[in-house]
Amino acid sequence: MSFWKSLFGGGASAPASAPRSEVVEYKGYTIRAEPFQNNGQYQTAGVIEKEIGGVRKEHRFIRADSHAALDDAMSFTLSKARQIVDLQGDRIFE
């Protein structure tokens, strides 16, 4: 039976979610780290939000970087989000 599940995708499971980090305010943006577990590592992932013209905009990102520890993934994700804001600003919502 497991052969058929793997052949047709029934054996694959979605990546396990990690707990969300606290909300961090940075230069008018709201940043949340949301790394998820993937192959025994935590994948860098997060959300950057900002209200523009009365509308809440959201940019989700996932990077190839992975970490053995959840705390490392959380802090790296926040650092990466700050870098995205510094380099791209509001263009991330286009």
Protein backbone atom coordinates (compact mmCIF):
# COMPACT_ATOMS: atom_id res chain seq x y z
CA MET A 1 0.00 0.00 0.00
CA SER A 2 2.82 2.45 0.81
CA PHE A 3 4.11 1.98 -2.74
CA TRP A 4 0.82 3.29 -4.12
CA LYS A 5 0.76 6.20 -1.66
CA SER A 6 4.26 7.28 -2.63
CA LEU A 7 3.49 6.80 -6.33
CA PHE A 8 0.38 8.98 -6.21
CA GLY A 9 1.49 11.43 -3.53
CA GLY A 10 -0.63 10.05 -0.71
CA GLY A 11 2.40 9.42 1.48
CA ALA A 12 3.75 12.97 1.40
CA SER A 13 2.80 15.19 4.28
CA ALA A 14 2.85 18.97 4.50
CA PRO A 15 5.77 20.59 6.32
CA ALA A 16 5.16 20.95 10.06
CA SER A 17 4.50 24.50 11.18
CA ALA A 18 6.61 26.16 13.83
CA PRO A 19 5.18 28.60 16.34
CA ARG A 20 4.95 32.20 15.17
CA SER A 21 7.32 34.74 16.61
CA GLU A 22 6.31 37.91 18.31
CA VAL A 23 5.46 40.82 16.05
CA VAL A 24 8.40 43.15 15.39
CA GLU A 25 7.94 46.74 14.19
CA TYR A 26 10.65 48.02 11.83
CA LYS A 27 10.58 51.32 9.91
CA GLY A 28 6.77 51.31 9.75
CA TYR A 29 6.55 47.63 8.74
CA THR A 30 5.29 44.75 10.84
CA ILE A 31 7.48 41.64 10.63
CA ARG A 32 6.67 38.08 11.77
CA ALA A 33 9.06 35.15 11.54
CA GLU A 34 7.24 31.96 10.53
CA PRO A 35 9.90 29.31 9.91
CA PHE A 36 8.61 25.82 9.28
CA GLN A 37 10.15 22.42 9.69
CA ASN A 38 11.37 20.80 6.48
CA ASN A 39 13.48 17.62 6.37
CA GLY A 40 14.53 17.97 10.00
CA GLN A 41 15.61 21.60 9.61
CA TYR A 42 13.78 24.92 10.00
CA GLN A 43 13.28 26.81 6.75
CA THR A 44 13.62 30.61 6.73
CA ALA A 45 10.14 32.08 6.17
CA GLY A 46 8.22 35.11 7.30
CA VAL A 47 5.70 37.85 6.64
CA ILE A 48 6.21 41.60 6.14
CA GLU A 49 3.11 43.81 6.43
CA LYS A 50 2.36 47.51 6.08
CA GLU A 51 -0.74 49.63 5.77
CA ILE A 52 -0.61 51.70 2.58
CA GLY A 53 -3.47 54.03 1.68
CA GLY A 54 -5.74 52.40 4.25
CA VAL A 55 -5.12 48.91 2.82
CA ARG A 56 -3.10 46.28 4.68
CA LYS A 57 -0.46 44.87 2.31
CA GLU A 58 1.34 41.60 2.98
CA HIS A 59 4.50 40.07 1.54
CA ARG A 60 5.30 36.44 2.39
CA PHE A 61 8.79 35.14 1.79
CA ILE A 62 10.63 31.83 1.98
CA ARG A 63 14.38 31.54 1.56
CA ALA A 64 16.60 28.55 0.91
CA ASP A 65 18.46 29.00 4.22
CA SER A 66 17.73 26.31 6.79
CA HIS A 67 18.69 25.99 10.45
CA ALA A 68 18.97 23.16 12.95
CA ALA A 69 17.49 25.22 15.81
CA LEU A 70 14.16 27.06 15.81
CA ASP A 71 15.63 30.06 17.66
CA ASP A 72 18.32 30.44 14.98
CA ALA A 73 15.70 30.28 12.24
CA MET A 74 13.55 32.90 14.01
CA SER A 75 16.37 35.40 14.46
CA PHE A 76 17.73 34.86 10.94
CA THR A 77 14.26 35.32 9.46
CA LEU A 78 13.80 38.63 11.28
CA SER A 79 17.23 39.75 10.09
CA LYS A 80 16.40 38.75 6.51
CA ALA A 81 13.07 40.62 6.68
CA ARG A 82 14.83 43.79 7.84
CA GLN A 83 17.24 43.42 4.93
CA ILE A 84 14.33 43.05 2.48
CA VAL A 85 12.71 46.21 3.88
CA ASP A 86 16.00 48.14 3.67
CA LEU A 87 16.70 47.06 0.08
CA GLN A 88 13.22 47.09 -1.45
CA GLY A 89 10.90 49.13 0.75
CA ASP A 90 7.32 49.36 -0.53
CA ARG A 91 8.28 47.74 -3.84
CA ILE A 92 7.82 44.33 -2.21
CA PHE A 93 4.07 44.90 -2.46
CA GLU A 94 4.01 45.54 -6.21
